[in-house]
N, C-alpha and C. Protein backbone atom coordinates (compact mmCIF):
# COMPACT_ATOMS: atom_id res chain seq x y z
N UNK A 1 64.48 138.12 130.42
CA UNK A 1 65.86 137.73 130.49
C UNK A 1 65.94 136.22 130.73
N UNK A 2 66.89 135.58 130.01
CA UNK A 2 67.03 134.13 130.13
C UNK A 2 67.88 133.78 131.33
N UNK A 3 67.52 132.69 131.97
CA UNK A 3 68.34 132.28 133.10
C UNK A 3 69.69 131.74 132.62
N UNK A 4 70.70 132.03 133.34
CA UNK A 4 72.04 131.56 133.01
C UNK A 4 72.21 130.16 133.61
N UNK A 5 72.67 129.25 132.77
CA UNK A 5 72.83 127.86 133.21
C UNK A 5 74.13 127.72 133.98
N UNK A 6 74.09 126.88 134.96
CA UNK A 6 75.29 126.59 135.74
C UNK A 6 76.21 125.60 135.03
N UNK A 7 75.68 124.92 134.00
CA UNK A 7 76.44 123.90 133.30
C UNK A 7 76.95 124.45 131.97
N UNK A 8 78.19 124.12 131.63
CA UNK A 8 78.70 124.57 130.33
C UNK A 8 77.98 123.82 129.19
N UNK A 9 77.96 124.43 128.02
CA UNK A 9 77.30 123.83 126.87
C UNK A 9 78.00 122.54 126.48
N UNK A 10 77.22 121.49 126.26
CA UNK A 10 77.75 120.19 125.91
C UNK A 10 78.02 120.10 124.40
N UNK A 11 79.23 119.66 124.01
CA UNK A 11 79.55 119.43 122.61
C UNK A 11 78.95 118.08 122.23
N UNK A 12 78.55 117.94 120.96
CA UNK A 12 78.06 116.62 120.55
C UNK A 12 79.23 115.62 120.59
N UNK A 13 78.92 114.42 121.03
CA UNK A 13 79.94 113.39 121.15
C UNK A 13 80.10 112.69 119.79
N UNK A 14 81.33 112.55 119.30
CA UNK A 14 81.53 111.91 118.00
C UNK A 14 81.19 110.42 118.04
N UNK A 15 80.72 109.87 116.92
CA UNK A 15 80.41 108.43 116.87
C UNK A 15 81.69 107.61 116.71
N UNK A 16 82.32 107.32 117.82
CA UNK A 16 83.60 106.60 117.79
C UNK A 16 83.48 105.23 117.10
N UNK A 17 82.33 104.62 117.18
CA UNK A 17 82.13 103.29 116.61
C UNK A 17 82.36 103.28 115.09
N UNK A 18 82.21 104.43 114.44
CA UNK A 18 82.45 104.50 112.99
C UNK A 18 83.92 104.17 112.70
N UNK A 19 84.78 104.39 113.66
CA UNK A 19 86.20 104.08 113.50
C UNK A 19 86.46 102.60 113.24
N UNK A 20 85.52 101.74 113.59
CA UNK A 20 85.68 100.31 113.31
C UNK A 20 85.74 100.04 111.80
N UNK A 21 85.10 100.89 111.01
CA UNK A 21 85.14 100.73 109.56
C UNK A 21 86.53 101.00 108.99
N UNK A 22 87.37 101.64 109.78
CA UNK A 22 88.72 101.96 109.32
C UNK A 22 89.60 100.73 109.15
N UNK A 23 89.21 99.60 109.72
CA UNK A 23 90.03 98.39 109.59
C UNK A 23 89.73 97.64 108.30
N UNK A 24 88.78 98.11 107.51
CA UNK A 24 88.48 97.51 106.21
C UNK A 24 89.37 98.22 105.18
N UNK A 25 90.35 97.50 104.62
CA UNK A 25 91.25 98.16 103.67
C UNK A 25 90.49 98.84 102.54
N UNK A 26 90.99 99.91 102.07
CA UNK A 26 90.46 100.80 101.06
C UNK A 26 89.27 101.59 101.59
N UNK A 27 88.22 100.91 102.04
CA UNK A 27 87.08 101.62 102.64
C UNK A 27 87.57 102.41 103.85
N UNK A 28 88.49 101.83 104.60
CA UNK A 28 89.04 102.49 105.78
C UNK A 28 89.71 103.81 105.47
N UNK A 29 90.29 103.91 104.28
CA UNK A 29 90.93 105.16 103.89
C UNK A 29 89.88 106.27 103.77
N UNK A 30 88.82 105.97 103.05
CA UNK A 30 87.78 106.97 102.83
C UNK A 30 87.02 107.30 104.11
N UNK A 31 86.77 106.29 104.93
CA UNK A 31 86.14 106.53 106.23
C UNK A 31 87.06 107.37 107.10
N UNK A 32 88.36 107.06 107.06
CA UNK A 32 89.33 107.83 107.83
C UNK A 32 89.36 109.29 107.42
N UNK A 33 89.29 109.55 106.12
CA UNK A 33 89.25 110.94 105.64
C UNK A 33 87.97 111.63 106.14
N UNK A 34 86.85 110.90 106.06
CA UNK A 34 85.58 111.47 106.54
C UNK A 34 85.62 111.77 108.03
N UNK A 35 86.16 110.85 108.81
CA UNK A 35 86.28 111.05 110.25
C UNK A 35 87.20 112.23 110.54
N UNK A 36 88.31 112.29 109.83
CA UNK A 36 89.26 113.37 110.04
C UNK A 36 88.63 114.74 109.76
N UNK A 37 87.92 114.84 108.65
CA UNK A 37 87.28 116.11 108.31
C UNK A 37 86.17 116.49 109.30
N UNK A 38 85.34 115.48 109.67
CA UNK A 38 84.27 115.80 110.62
C UNK A 38 84.83 116.12 112.00
N UNK A 39 85.95 115.52 112.35
CA UNK A 39 86.57 115.81 113.63
C UNK A 39 87.13 117.23 113.67
N UNK A 40 87.72 117.64 112.56
CA UNK A 40 88.30 118.99 112.50
C UNK A 40 87.21 120.07 112.47
N UNK A 41 86.19 119.86 111.65
CA UNK A 41 85.22 120.91 111.42
C UNK A 41 83.97 120.84 112.30
N UNK A 42 83.63 119.66 112.81
CA UNK A 42 82.39 119.55 113.59
C UNK A 42 82.65 119.25 115.07
N UNK A 43 83.33 118.14 115.32
CA UNK A 43 83.46 117.67 116.70
C UNK A 43 84.63 118.29 117.45
N UNK A 44 85.70 118.62 116.75
CA UNK A 44 86.91 119.18 117.37
C UNK A 44 87.39 118.28 118.53
N UNK A 45 87.51 116.99 118.19
CA UNK A 45 87.87 115.98 119.19
C UNK A 45 89.20 115.34 118.76
N UNK A 46 90.21 115.42 119.63
CA UNK A 46 91.53 114.92 119.25
C UNK A 46 91.54 113.40 119.06
N UNK A 47 90.78 112.66 119.85
CA UNK A 47 90.76 111.20 119.72
C UNK A 47 90.09 110.78 118.42
N UNK A 48 89.05 111.47 118.04
CA UNK A 48 88.37 111.19 116.79
C UNK A 48 89.29 111.51 115.60
N UNK A 49 90.08 112.57 115.76
CA UNK A 49 91.07 112.93 114.73
C UNK A 49 92.10 111.81 114.59
N UNK A 50 92.56 111.30 115.71
CA UNK A 50 93.55 110.21 115.68
C UNK A 50 92.97 108.94 115.06
N UNK A 51 91.70 108.67 115.31
CA UNK A 51 91.05 107.50 114.70
C UNK A 51 91.03 107.68 113.18
N UNK A 52 90.70 108.86 112.71
CA UNK A 52 90.68 109.13 111.27
C UNK A 52 92.05 108.97 110.65
N UNK A 53 93.07 109.53 111.29
CA UNK A 53 94.44 109.39 110.79
C UNK A 53 94.86 107.92 110.81
N UNK A 54 94.47 107.20 111.86
CA UNK A 54 94.79 105.78 111.96
C UNK A 54 94.18 104.98 110.82
N UNK A 55 92.94 105.29 110.44
CA UNK A 55 92.29 104.59 109.32
C UNK A 55 93.02 104.83 108.02
N UNK A 56 93.46 106.05 107.80
CA UNK A 56 94.20 106.38 106.58
C UNK A 56 95.54 105.65 106.55
N UNK A 57 96.27 105.72 107.66
CA UNK A 57 97.59 105.09 107.74
C UNK A 57 97.48 103.56 107.62
N UNK A 58 96.46 102.98 108.25
CA UNK A 58 96.28 101.53 108.19
C UNK A 58 96.10 101.06 106.75
N UNK A 59 95.24 101.74 105.99
CA UNK A 59 95.02 101.35 104.60
C UNK A 59 96.29 101.50 103.78
N UNK A 60 97.02 102.58 103.99
CA UNK A 60 98.27 102.78 103.24
C UNK A 60 99.27 101.67 103.57
N UNK A 61 99.35 101.28 104.83
CA UNK A 61 100.28 100.21 105.22
C UNK A 61 99.87 98.86 104.62
N UNK A 62 98.57 98.55 104.66
CA UNK A 62 98.10 97.26 104.12
C UNK A 62 98.42 97.17 102.64
N UNK A 63 98.06 98.19 101.88
CA UNK A 63 98.32 98.15 100.44
C UNK A 63 99.81 98.24 100.13
N UNK A 64 100.54 98.96 100.94
CA UNK A 64 101.99 99.02 100.75
C UNK A 64 102.63 97.66 100.92
N UNK A 65 102.20 96.90 101.92
CA UNK A 65 102.75 95.57 102.13
C UNK A 65 102.35 94.62 101.01
N UNK A 66 101.10 94.75 100.54
CA UNK A 66 100.66 93.88 99.44
C UNK A 66 101.52 94.09 98.20
N UNK A 67 101.72 95.34 97.81
CA UNK A 67 102.50 95.62 96.61
C UNK A 67 103.97 95.29 96.82
N UNK A 68 104.44 95.42 98.04
CA UNK A 68 105.82 95.07 98.34
C UNK A 68 106.05 93.57 98.13
N UNK A 69 105.08 92.76 98.52
CA UNK A 69 105.22 91.31 98.38
C UNK A 69 105.05 90.84 96.94
N UNK A 70 104.43 91.65 96.09
CA UNK A 70 104.25 91.27 94.70
C UNK A 70 105.47 91.54 93.84
N UNK A 71 106.43 92.27 94.37
CA UNK A 71 107.63 92.58 93.61
C UNK A 71 108.46 91.31 93.44
N UNK A 72 109.34 91.30 92.43
CA UNK A 72 110.22 90.14 92.29
C UNK A 72 111.04 89.93 93.57
N UNK A 73 111.05 88.70 94.03
CA UNK A 73 111.76 88.37 95.26
C UNK A 73 110.85 88.39 96.48
N UNK A 74 109.62 88.86 96.33
CA UNK A 74 108.67 88.89 97.44
C UNK A 74 108.02 87.53 97.63
N UNK A 75 107.05 87.46 98.51
CA UNK A 75 106.36 86.20 98.78
C UNK A 75 105.64 85.68 97.55
N UNK A 76 105.18 86.57 96.70
CA UNK A 76 104.48 86.16 95.49
C UNK A 76 105.38 85.36 94.57
N UNK A 77 106.66 85.70 94.55
CA UNK A 77 107.58 85.06 93.60
C UNK A 77 107.75 83.57 93.86
N UNK A 78 107.60 83.12 95.09
CA UNK A 78 107.74 81.69 95.36
C UNK A 78 106.63 80.89 94.70
N UNK A 79 105.47 81.48 94.49
CA UNK A 79 104.37 80.81 93.80
C UNK A 79 104.40 81.05 92.31
N UNK A 80 105.09 82.08 91.86
CA UNK A 80 105.08 82.45 90.46
C UNK A 80 105.84 81.45 89.59
N UNK A 81 106.91 80.87 90.07
CA UNK A 81 107.71 79.96 89.25
C UNK A 81 106.92 78.68 88.93
N UNK A 82 106.33 78.00 89.91
CA UNK A 82 105.52 76.83 89.55
C UNK A 82 104.32 77.19 88.66
N UNK A 83 103.73 78.36 88.91
CA UNK A 83 102.61 78.80 88.09
C UNK A 83 103.07 79.04 86.66
N UNK A 84 104.24 79.63 86.51
CA UNK A 84 104.79 79.88 85.18
C UNK A 84 105.05 78.56 84.45
N UNK A 85 105.59 77.57 85.15
CA UNK A 85 105.82 76.26 84.54
C UNK A 85 104.52 75.61 84.11
N UNK A 86 103.49 75.74 84.93
CA UNK A 86 102.19 75.17 84.59
C UNK A 86 101.62 75.86 83.35
N UNK A 87 101.72 77.19 83.31
CA UNK A 87 101.21 77.93 82.15
C UNK A 87 102.00 77.60 80.89
N UNK A 88 103.30 77.37 81.03
CA UNK A 88 104.10 76.94 79.88
C UNK A 88 103.62 75.59 79.35
N UNK A 89 103.29 74.68 80.26
CA UNK A 89 102.76 73.38 79.85
C UNK A 89 101.45 73.53 79.08
N UNK A 90 100.58 74.42 79.56
CA UNK A 90 99.32 74.66 78.86
C UNK A 90 99.57 75.29 77.49
N UNK A 91 100.55 76.17 77.43
CA UNK A 91 100.88 76.84 76.18
C UNK A 91 101.41 75.84 75.16
N UNK A 92 102.21 74.89 75.61
CA UNK A 92 102.72 73.85 74.70
C UNK A 92 101.57 73.05 74.11
N UNK A 93 100.57 72.73 74.94
CA UNK A 93 99.40 72.01 74.42
C UNK A 93 98.70 72.82 73.33
N UNK A 94 98.58 74.13 73.56
CA UNK A 94 97.93 74.99 72.57
C UNK A 94 98.76 75.10 71.29
N UNK A 95 100.07 75.16 71.42
CA UNK A 95 100.95 75.23 70.25
C UNK A 95 100.86 73.93 69.45
N UNK A 96 100.87 72.80 70.14
CA UNK A 96 100.78 71.51 69.46
C UNK A 96 99.41 71.34 68.79
N UNK A 97 98.36 71.81 69.44
CA UNK A 97 97.03 71.75 68.83
C UNK A 97 96.97 72.61 67.57
N UNK A 98 97.61 73.77 67.62
CA UNK A 98 97.68 74.65 66.46
C UNK A 98 98.36 73.92 65.30
N UNK A 99 99.44 73.20 65.62
CA UNK A 99 100.15 72.47 64.56
C UNK A 99 99.26 71.38 63.97
N UNK A 100 98.51 70.69 64.80
CA UNK A 100 97.60 69.67 64.29
C UNK A 100 96.56 70.26 63.35
N UNK A 101 96.06 71.43 63.69
CA UNK A 101 95.03 72.08 62.89
C UNK A 101 95.57 72.70 61.60
N UNK A 102 96.80 73.25 61.65
CA UNK A 102 97.33 74.02 60.53
C UNK A 102 98.52 73.37 59.82
N UNK A 103 99.04 72.31 60.37
CA UNK A 103 100.15 71.61 59.73
C UNK A 103 101.52 72.21 60.00
N UNK A 104 101.57 73.33 60.69
CA UNK A 104 102.84 73.98 61.01
C UNK A 104 102.70 74.70 62.35
N UNK A 105 103.83 74.98 62.96
CA UNK A 105 103.80 75.72 64.22
C UNK A 105 103.51 77.19 63.93
N UNK A 106 102.92 77.89 64.88
CA UNK A 106 102.64 79.32 64.65
C UNK A 106 103.94 80.12 64.57
N UNK A 107 103.89 81.22 63.81
CA UNK A 107 105.06 82.10 63.71
C UNK A 107 105.25 82.91 64.99
N UNK A 108 104.15 83.17 65.70
CA UNK A 108 104.19 83.91 66.96
C UNK A 108 103.07 83.42 67.85
N UNK A 109 103.16 83.75 69.13
CA UNK A 109 102.11 83.34 70.07
C UNK A 109 100.79 84.04 69.78
N UNK A 110 100.86 85.23 69.18
CA UNK A 110 99.63 85.98 68.87
C UNK A 110 98.76 85.22 67.89
N UNK A 111 99.36 84.37 67.05
CA UNK A 111 98.59 83.59 66.09
C UNK A 111 97.67 82.58 66.77
N UNK A 112 98.00 82.20 68.00
CA UNK A 112 97.16 81.24 68.71
C UNK A 112 95.79 81.82 69.04
N UNK A 113 95.75 83.10 69.36
CA UNK A 113 94.48 83.74 69.73
C UNK A 113 93.60 83.89 68.50
N UNK A 114 92.37 83.53 68.64
CA UNK A 114 91.42 83.60 67.55
C UNK A 114 91.36 82.30 66.77
N UNK A 115 92.49 81.61 66.65
CA UNK A 115 92.52 80.36 65.90
C UNK A 115 91.97 79.20 66.74
N UNK A 116 92.34 79.18 68.01
CA UNK A 116 91.88 78.10 68.88
C UNK A 116 91.24 78.66 70.15
N UNK A 117 90.62 79.81 70.04
CA UNK A 117 90.02 80.46 71.20
C UNK A 117 91.01 81.44 71.81
N UNK A 118 90.75 81.85 73.01
CA UNK A 118 91.65 82.78 73.67
C UNK A 118 92.69 82.00 74.46
N UNK A 119 93.94 82.28 74.16
CA UNK A 119 95.05 81.59 74.81
C UNK A 119 95.81 82.62 75.64
N UNK A 120 96.09 82.28 76.89
CA UNK A 120 96.84 83.17 77.76
C UNK A 120 98.32 83.01 77.46
N UNK A 121 98.91 84.01 76.88
CA UNK A 121 100.33 83.97 76.52
C UNK A 121 101.18 84.83 77.46
N UNK A 122 100.56 85.42 78.48
CA UNK A 122 101.30 86.28 79.42
C UNK A 122 101.94 85.45 80.52
N UNK A 123 103.17 85.80 80.82
CA UNK A 123 103.92 85.12 81.86
C UNK A 123 103.44 85.60 83.23
N UNK A 124 102.98 84.69 84.11
CA UNK A 124 102.51 85.10 85.44
C UNK A 124 103.58 85.77 86.29
N UNK A 125 104.85 85.53 86.00
CA UNK A 125 105.92 86.16 86.77
C UNK A 125 105.92 87.67 86.56
N UNK A 126 105.50 88.09 85.39
CA UNK A 126 105.50 89.53 85.08
C UNK A 126 104.22 90.19 85.57
N UNK A 127 103.77 89.80 86.74
CA UNK A 127 102.51 90.26 87.32
C UNK A 127 102.29 91.75 87.08
N UNK A 128 101.22 92.07 86.38
CA UNK A 128 100.86 93.45 86.14
C UNK A 128 101.51 94.06 84.91
N UNK A 129 102.57 93.45 84.39
CA UNK A 129 103.25 94.01 83.22
C UNK A 129 102.76 93.38 81.92
N UNK A 130 102.10 92.25 82.01
CA UNK A 130 101.55 91.54 80.85
C UNK A 130 102.62 91.27 79.80
N UNK A 131 103.73 90.73 80.24
CA UNK A 131 104.82 90.36 79.35
C UNK A 131 104.57 88.94 78.85
N UNK A 132 104.58 88.74 77.55
CA UNK A 132 104.32 87.39 77.04
C UNK A 132 105.52 86.46 77.25
N UNK A 133 105.23 85.16 77.18
CA UNK A 133 106.31 84.18 77.19
C UNK A 133 107.17 84.38 75.95
N UNK A 134 108.40 83.93 76.01
CA UNK A 134 109.29 83.99 74.86
C UNK A 134 108.99 82.80 73.96
N UNK A 135 108.89 83.06 72.68
CA UNK A 135 108.59 82.02 71.71
C UNK A 135 109.37 82.28 70.44
N UNK A 136 109.97 81.22 69.91
CA UNK A 136 110.67 81.33 68.64
C UNK A 136 110.44 80.05 67.85
N UNK A 137 109.94 80.24 66.65
CA UNK A 137 109.77 79.11 65.75
C UNK A 137 111.13 78.80 65.13
N UNK A 138 111.51 77.53 65.15
CA UNK A 138 112.78 77.12 64.56
C UNK A 138 112.51 76.27 63.32
N UNK A 139 113.57 75.90 62.63
CA UNK A 139 113.41 75.07 61.42
C UNK A 139 112.78 73.72 61.75
N UNK A 140 113.09 73.21 62.93
CA UNK A 140 112.61 71.88 63.27
C UNK A 140 111.58 71.86 64.41
N UNK A 141 111.10 73.01 64.85
CA UNK A 141 110.13 73.03 65.95
C UNK A 141 109.97 74.43 66.51
N UNK A 142 110.12 74.55 67.81
CA UNK A 142 109.99 75.85 68.46
C UNK A 142 110.66 75.81 69.83
N UNK A 143 110.90 76.98 70.36
CA UNK A 143 111.40 77.13 71.72
C UNK A 143 110.46 78.08 72.43
N UNK A 144 110.02 77.71 73.62
CA UNK A 144 109.14 78.56 74.42
C UNK A 144 109.64 78.52 75.86
N UNK A 145 109.74 79.72 76.48
CA UNK A 145 110.22 79.79 77.86
C UNK A 145 109.83 81.11 78.49
N UNK A 146 110.02 81.18 79.81
CA UNK A 146 109.78 82.40 80.58
C UNK A 146 111.12 83.09 80.83
N UNK A 147 111.10 84.41 80.84
CA UNK A 147 112.33 85.16 81.11
C UNK A 147 112.74 85.11 82.58
N UNK A 148 111.91 84.54 83.42
CA UNK A 148 112.25 84.41 84.83
C UNK A 148 112.01 85.69 85.61
N UNK A 149 112.50 85.70 86.84
CA UNK A 149 112.24 86.80 87.76
C UNK A 149 112.87 88.12 87.33
N UNK A 150 113.99 88.06 86.62
CA UNK A 150 114.63 89.32 86.21
C UNK A 150 114.00 89.93 84.97
N UNK A 151 113.14 89.16 84.28
CA UNK A 151 112.46 89.68 83.10
C UNK A 151 113.33 89.77 81.87
N UNK A 152 114.54 89.20 81.91
CA UNK A 152 115.46 89.26 80.77
C UNK A 152 115.67 87.86 80.21
N UNK A 153 115.45 87.71 78.92
CA UNK A 153 115.65 86.42 78.26
C UNK A 153 117.14 86.14 78.13
N UNK A 154 117.48 84.86 78.21
CA UNK A 154 118.87 84.46 78.03
C UNK A 154 119.72 84.53 79.28
N UNK A 155 119.09 84.63 80.45
CA UNK A 155 119.85 84.63 81.70
C UNK A 155 119.62 83.30 82.41
N UNK A 156 120.38 83.06 83.48
CA UNK A 156 120.30 81.75 84.12
C UNK A 156 119.02 81.52 84.91
N UNK A 157 118.19 82.55 85.10
CA UNK A 157 116.94 82.32 85.81
C UNK A 157 115.77 82.04 84.87
N UNK A 158 116.03 81.89 83.57
CA UNK A 158 114.96 81.56 82.62
C UNK A 158 114.29 80.26 83.03
N UNK A 159 113.02 80.16 82.77
CA UNK A 159 112.24 78.99 83.17
C UNK A 159 111.73 78.30 81.92
N UNK A 160 112.06 77.03 81.82
CA UNK A 160 111.61 76.23 80.69
C UNK A 160 110.53 75.27 81.17
N UNK A 161 109.65 74.86 80.28
CA UNK A 161 108.60 73.93 80.69
C UNK A 161 109.21 72.58 81.06
N UNK A 162 108.42 71.76 81.71
CA UNK A 162 108.90 70.44 82.12
C UNK A 162 109.20 69.56 80.91
N UNK A 163 108.58 69.86 79.77
CA UNK A 163 108.90 69.16 78.54
C UNK A 163 110.26 69.66 78.04
N UNK A 164 110.68 69.17 76.91
CA UNK A 164 111.96 69.59 76.36
C UNK A 164 111.96 71.06 76.01
N UNK A 165 113.13 71.69 76.06
CA UNK A 165 113.26 73.10 75.74
C UNK A 165 112.96 73.36 74.27
N UNK A 166 113.38 72.48 73.39
CA UNK A 166 113.17 72.63 71.96
C UNK A 166 112.40 71.39 71.49
N UNK A 167 111.31 71.59 70.80
CA UNK A 167 110.48 70.45 70.40
C UNK A 167 111.14 69.62 69.33
N UNK A 168 112.26 70.06 68.76
CA UNK A 168 112.93 69.29 67.71
C UNK A 168 113.80 68.18 68.29
N UNK A 169 114.00 68.15 69.59
CA UNK A 169 114.87 67.14 70.21
C UNK A 169 114.12 65.86 70.47
């Protein structure tokens, strides 16, 4: 017969230090899920469960704030307008180079690609949507501009390059 111990059986102590990995965005989500599952099925420790839930919630909050700031009107938008103007300036150089090479302005921005290398025709304001700049060839030149923060051409928030709006002027 085995002797009966006076001490209750000790549960294994969870590795709380693993919870530090929860502060690394994205990785923290997966670590949090792992901690949560191991806490429920192995350790049965409420504090370890809370650490796992905290890792998941922290990652969701971090990414939620990032995407919230990227929307029009967020912190990203204050940098997008100068960036859009700079990209318009670069695009004008590419359009003018195309004219030097071919004797005429391109009919569309897509014609620039392949002819003079790869040209970025996407408006940085349309982050993630890959909306191209507006371009129209006219009888005497061209017009190129950004639709602005609202994404609609012909509104008062349209952004024109620092050069003239129409190259015919």
